[in-house]
Amino acid sequence: MNLLWEWLADPNNWSGPEGVWARLIEHLSYSLVTLVIAAVVGIPLGLWIGHTGKGRLTVVNLVNGMRSVPTLGLLFVAVLVVGPLLAGDVAFLGPAIFVLVILAIPPILAGAYAGVEGVDPGVRDAARGMGMGELQVLTKVEIPVALPLIFSGLRSAALQVVATATIAASVSVGGLGRFLIDGQAYRDYGEMAAGALLVALLAVCVDLVFAAVQRLVVSPGLAAPNDSPRLRAAPQPVPATT
C-alpha cells in the first residue's frame, strides 16, 4: 500500500508523454472511438430487430458467440493477421480497437432490441391507428420508450470497454494499461497497483457520467432498466473472457 501512495504522490508520474494525464487521455480516446463505432453498428441493428422481430435469434446467438471469444487471444490474432497490412501505430491500434468493438457490440445491441421489443403492443397499434408510418412509430414511440434500456446497454458496454482497454498495452498501445504492463516488466508493484486503481476509478467516473446523462435524457415516467421484466427476460451476453 505504501508503494501505491508513493507512486501516486510522485509528480513525475503525472506529467510528460508517459504520465498519468497523457495515458488517461489515450485510454479515454480509445474507449470513445470504440463506443462510437459499436453504437453505430449495434443500436440501428438492435432497433431493427426489436421493431421487425426478424433475425432476432440468429443475431443474438451470433453476438453472444462473439462475446465468448477470449479477448486477449483475439487481440493477438488480430495483430498478427491485420497488423502486417497496416503501417505505423495503426498496425497495433487498429486491431485493438477492432477487438474492443467486438466486446462492446453485444450489450449495446441487446439493450436496443430488448427496449424496442418491450414496448406495449397496444401503444404501437394506437400510433398506427393515428396514421403514423413504421418509421414514425419507431422514432416517436418505440425509441423514446426504449431509452432506459438503450442507455443501460451503453453503460454496460462503456464499463467493459474502459476495463478491457488495458489489454491494448500488451501490444505496445498506450492507455492506462501501460502502467500495468510496464510495472510488471520492471517489478514496480506501486506502478501496477496505481494503474489498476486508476482504471477502476475511471470506470466508476464513466458510469456516473452515463447515469447523469440518462437522467437528463430519459423521461422520469419510464421504468428503470433494472425494474423492467423484459430486460430480465432478455437473453444476456455471456461474460467476456481474457
Protein backbone atom coordinates (compact mmCIF):
# COMPACT_ATOMS: atom_id res chain seq x y z
CA MET A 1 0.00 0.00 0.00
CA ASN A 2 2.86 2.37 0.76
CA LEU A 3 4.32 1.75 -2.69
CA LEU A 4 1.00 2.73 -4.24
CA TRP A 5 0.76 6.07 -2.41
CA GLU A 6 4.44 6.83 -3.02
CA TRP A 7 3.97 6.30 -6.75
CA LEU A 8 0.83 8.44 -6.87
CA ALA A 9 2.49 11.19 -4.81
CA ASP A 10 5.43 11.49 -7.21
CA PRO A 11 4.70 14.45 -9.55
CA ASN A 12 7.00 12.96 -12.20
CA ASN A 13 4.49 10.15 -12.70
CA TRP A 14 1.74 12.61 -13.65
CA SER A 15 3.49 14.71 -16.29
CA GLY A 16 5.08 14.10 -19.67
CA PRO A 17 4.06 11.85 -22.56
CA GLU A 18 4.15 8.79 -20.32
CA GLY A 19 2.47 10.39 -17.30
CA VAL A 20 -0.95 9.70 -15.87
CA TRP A 21 -2.71 12.55 -17.67
CA ALA A 22 -1.32 11.58 -21.08
CA ARG A 23 -2.18 7.92 -20.53
CA LEU A 24 -5.66 8.87 -19.30
CA ILE A 25 -6.37 10.85 -22.48
CA GLU A 26 -5.15 7.91 -24.58
CA HIS A 27 -7.35 5.49 -22.66
CA LEU A 28 -10.41 7.70 -22.99
CA SER A 29 -9.82 8.28 -26.70
CA TYR A 30 -9.58 4.54 -27.41
CA SER A 31 -12.71 3.90 -25.37
CA LEU A 32 -14.67 6.71 -27.01
CA VAL A 33 -13.78 5.63 -30.54
CA THR A 34 -14.76 2.06 -29.65
CA LEU A 35 -18.13 3.07 -28.18
CA VAL A 36 -18.99 5.28 -31.15
CA ILE A 37 -18.26 2.51 -33.65
CA ALA A 38 -20.09 -0.10 -31.58
CA ALA A 39 -23.10 2.20 -31.14
CA VAL A 40 -23.26 2.97 -34.87
CA VAL A 41 -23.38 -0.79 -35.54
CA GLY A 42 -25.33 -2.08 -32.55
CA ILE A 43 -28.09 0.47 -32.00
CA PRO A 44 -29.57 0.55 -35.54
CA LEU A 45 -29.35 -3.24 -35.77
CA GLY A 46 -30.98 -3.65 -32.37
CA LEU A 47 -33.75 -1.20 -33.23
CA TRP A 48 -34.43 -3.03 -36.48
CA ILE A 49 -34.58 -6.42 -34.75
CA GLY A 50 -36.84 -5.11 -31.99
CA HIS A 51 -39.19 -3.35 -34.43
CA THR A 52 -39.49 -6.09 -37.04
CA GLY A 53 -38.76 -9.21 -35.00
CA LYS A 54 -36.65 -10.51 -37.88
CA GLY A 55 -33.32 -12.22 -37.35
CA ARG A 56 -33.54 -11.97 -33.57
CA LEU A 57 -32.39 -15.47 -32.72
CA THR A 58 -29.63 -15.52 -35.34
CA VAL A 59 -28.14 -12.14 -34.45
CA VAL A 60 -28.39 -12.65 -30.69
CA ASN A 61 -26.66 -16.03 -30.91
CA LEU A 62 -24.01 -14.53 -33.15
CA VAL A 63 -23.13 -11.65 -30.83
CA ASN A 64 -23.17 -13.94 -27.79
CA GLY A 65 -20.74 -16.16 -29.64
CA MET A 66 -18.56 -13.10 -30.26
CA ARG A 67 -18.50 -12.46 -26.52
CA SER A 68 -17.33 -15.99 -25.78
CA VAL A 69 -14.09 -15.47 -27.72
CA PRO A 70 -11.13 -14.79 -25.36
CA THR A 71 -10.42 -11.09 -25.74
CA LEU A 72 -6.66 -11.27 -25.25
CA GLY A 73 -6.31 -14.18 -27.63
CA LEU A 74 -8.40 -12.41 -30.27
CA LEU A 75 -6.22 -9.33 -29.87
CA PHE A 76 -3.01 -11.22 -30.62
CA VAL A 77 -4.60 -12.96 -33.60
CA ALA A 78 -5.84 -9.62 -34.96
CA VAL A 79 -2.39 -8.07 -34.58
CA LEU A 80 -0.72 -10.99 -36.35
CA VAL A 81 -3.25 -11.06 -39.20
CA VAL A 82 -4.16 -7.40 -39.68
CA GLY A 83 -1.03 -5.72 -38.31
CA PRO A 84 1.23 -6.51 -41.28
CA LEU A 85 -1.33 -4.91 -43.62
CA LEU A 86 -1.14 -1.57 -41.78
CA ALA A 87 1.67 0.89 -41.13
CA GLY A 88 2.92 2.75 -38.06
CA ASP A 89 1.00 2.84 -34.80
CA VAL A 90 -2.22 1.90 -36.63
CA ALA A 91 -0.80 -1.62 -37.05
CA PHE A 92 -1.37 -2.11 -33.30
CA LEU A 93 -4.10 0.39 -32.53
CA GLY A 94 -6.41 -0.80 -35.34
CA PRO A 95 -6.60 -4.43 -34.13
CA ALA A 96 -7.01 -3.24 -30.53
CA ILE A 97 -9.99 -1.05 -31.47
CA PHE A 98 -11.46 -3.89 -33.53
CA VAL A 99 -11.33 -6.29 -30.59
CA LEU A 100 -12.86 -3.74 -28.21
CA VAL A 101 -15.68 -3.09 -30.69
CA ILE A 102 -16.41 -6.83 -30.78
CA LEU A 103 -16.65 -6.68 -26.99
CA ALA A 104 -18.91 -3.60 -26.94
CA ILE A 105 -21.49 -4.50 -29.58
CA PRO A 106 -23.39 -7.28 -27.70
CA PRO A 107 -24.63 -5.26 -24.69
CA ILE A 108 -25.48 -2.27 -26.89
CA LEU A 109 -27.41 -4.40 -29.37
CA ALA A 110 -29.18 -6.33 -26.59
CA GLY A 111 -30.27 -3.13 -24.87
CA ALA A 112 -31.63 -1.66 -28.11
CA TYR A 113 -33.63 -4.66 -29.26
CA ALA A 114 -34.91 -5.52 -25.76
CA GLY A 115 -36.07 -1.93 -25.26
CA VAL A 116 -38.00 -1.74 -28.53
CA GLU A 117 -39.31 -5.27 -28.19
CA GLY A 118 -40.64 -4.41 -24.72
CA VAL A 119 -42.90 -1.60 -25.94
CA ASP A 120 -46.57 -2.37 -25.24
CA PRO A 121 -48.15 -3.65 -28.50
CA GLY A 122 -51.22 -1.58 -27.72
CA VAL A 123 -49.11 1.57 -27.87
CA ARG A 124 -47.82 0.60 -31.31
CA ASP A 125 -51.36 -0.13 -32.54
CA ALA A 126 -52.59 3.20 -31.22
CA ALA A 127 -49.77 5.02 -33.02
CA ARG A 128 -50.56 3.24 -36.27
CA GLY A 129 -54.24 4.00 -35.77
CA MET A 130 -53.34 7.70 -35.63
CA GLY A 131 -51.84 7.41 -39.10
CA MET A 132 -48.17 7.04 -38.19
CA GLY A 133 -45.93 5.15 -40.59
CA GLU A 134 -43.48 2.49 -39.41
CA LEU A 135 -40.58 4.95 -39.24
CA GLN A 136 -42.67 7.37 -37.17
CA VAL A 137 -43.73 4.57 -34.85
CA LEU A 138 -40.08 3.68 -34.33
CA THR A 139 -38.74 7.20 -33.83
CA LYS A 140 -41.67 8.81 -31.96
CA VAL A 141 -42.95 5.90 -29.89
CA GLU A 142 -40.59 2.95 -29.60
CA ILE A 143 -37.23 4.69 -29.24
CA PRO A 144 -38.38 7.15 -26.51
CA VAL A 145 -39.85 4.25 -24.52
CA ALA A 146 -36.74 2.11 -25.12
CA LEU A 147 -34.26 4.78 -24.00
CA PRO A 148 -33.75 3.35 -20.48
CA LEU A 149 -32.66 0.00 -21.88
CA ILE A 150 -30.61 1.60 -24.65
CA PHE A 151 -28.69 3.61 -22.05
CA SER A 152 -28.34 0.50 -19.91
CA GLY A 153 -26.65 -1.26 -22.81
CA LEU A 154 -24.38 1.71 -23.47
CA ARG A 155 -23.38 1.94 -19.81
CA SER A 156 -22.59 -1.76 -19.66
CA ALA A 157 -20.53 -1.54 -22.84
CA ALA A 158 -18.68 1.55 -21.60
CA LEU A 159 -17.66 -0.16 -18.36
CA GLN A 160 -16.46 -3.26 -20.20
CA VAL A 161 -14.50 -1.24 -22.74
CA VAL A 162 -12.82 1.01 -20.16
CA ALA A 163 -11.80 -2.00 -18.10
CA THR A 164 -10.71 -4.17 -21.02
CA ALA A 165 -8.87 -1.41 -22.91
CA THR A 166 -5.97 -2.09 -20.55
CA ILE A 167 -5.06 -5.17 -22.62
CA ALA A 168 -4.19 -2.89 -25.55
CA ALA A 169 -0.95 -2.12 -23.73
CA SER A 170 0.14 -5.72 -24.23
CA VAL A 171 0.59 -4.99 -27.96
CA SER A 172 2.51 -1.73 -27.50
CA VAL A 173 -0.54 0.56 -27.44
CA GLY A 174 -0.84 3.31 -24.81
CA GLY A 175 -3.51 3.94 -22.21
CA LEU A 176 -3.62 3.25 -18.50
CA GLY A 177 -2.77 -0.37 -19.19
CA ARG A 178 0.84 0.73 -19.78
CA PHE A 179 1.25 1.16 -16.02
CA LEU A 180 0.28 -2.48 -15.52
CA ILE A 181 2.50 -3.83 -18.31
CA ASP A 182 5.50 -1.58 -17.60
CA GLY A 183 5.16 -2.06 -13.86
CA GLN A 184 5.22 -5.82 -14.28
CA ALA A 185 8.24 -5.62 -16.60
CA TYR A 186 10.24 -3.55 -14.08
CA ARG A 187 8.74 -5.24 -11.00
CA ASP A 188 7.40 -1.86 -9.89
CA TYR A 189 4.43 -3.02 -7.84
CA GLY A 190 3.49 0.51 -6.87
CA GLU A 191 3.06 1.40 -10.54
CA MET A 192 1.00 -1.74 -11.16
CA ALA A 193 -1.28 -1.01 -8.20
CA ALA A 194 -1.66 2.61 -9.30
CA GLY A 195 -2.60 1.52 -12.83
CA ALA A 196 -5.27 -0.86 -11.52
CA LEU A 197 -6.66 1.81 -9.19
CA LEU A 198 -6.77 4.44 -11.94
CA VAL A 199 -8.65 2.12 -14.29
CA ALA A 200 -11.17 1.29 -11.57
CA LEU A 201 -11.71 4.97 -10.74
CA LEU A 202 -12.08 5.83 -14.42
CA ALA A 203 -14.72 3.12 -14.85
CA VAL A 204 -16.69 4.49 -11.90
CA CYS A 205 -16.48 8.05 -13.26
CA VAL A 206 -17.61 6.96 -16.72
CA ASP A 207 -20.58 5.12 -15.23
CA LEU A 208 -21.56 8.19 -13.21
CA VAL A 209 -21.41 10.35 -16.35
CA PHE A 210 -23.66 7.96 -18.25
CA ALA A 211 -26.06 7.83 -15.29
CA ALA A 212 -26.25 11.63 -15.20
CA VAL A 213 -26.86 11.87 -18.95
CA GLN A 214 -29.54 9.18 -18.69
CA ARG A 215 -31.38 11.14 -16.00
CA LEU A 216 -31.34 14.22 -18.23
CA VAL A 217 -32.48 12.45 -21.40
CA VAL A 218 -34.88 9.77 -20.23
CA SER A 219 -38.36 10.69 -19.06
CA PRO A 220 -38.77 10.10 -15.30
CA GLY A 221 -42.05 8.34 -16.03
CA LEU A 222 -40.34 5.46 -17.76
CA ALA A 223 -39.42 2.36 -15.77
CA ALA A 224 -35.82 1.99 -14.68
CA PRO A 225 -33.91 -0.61 -16.68
CA ASN A 226 -33.31 -2.84 -13.66
CA ASP A 227 -37.05 -2.94 -12.95
CA SER A 228 -38.03 -4.00 -16.45
CA PRO A 229 -39.27 -7.60 -16.72
CA ARG A 230 -38.39 -7.51 -20.42
CA LEU A 231 -34.76 -6.82 -19.60
CA ARG A 232 -34.67 -9.61 -17.07
CA ALA A 233 -36.17 -11.98 -19.64
CA ALA A 234 -33.95 -10.85 -22.50
CA PRO A 235 -31.02 -13.12 -23.41
CA GLN A 236 -27.93 -11.76 -21.72
CA PRO A 237 -24.45 -11.90 -23.27
CA VAL A 238 -22.11 -14.43 -21.73
CA PRO A 239 -19.24 -12.94 -19.72
CA ALA A 240 -16.19 -11.95 -21.73
CA THR A 241 -13.04 -13.94 -21.15
CA THR A 242 -9.48 -12.73 -21.35
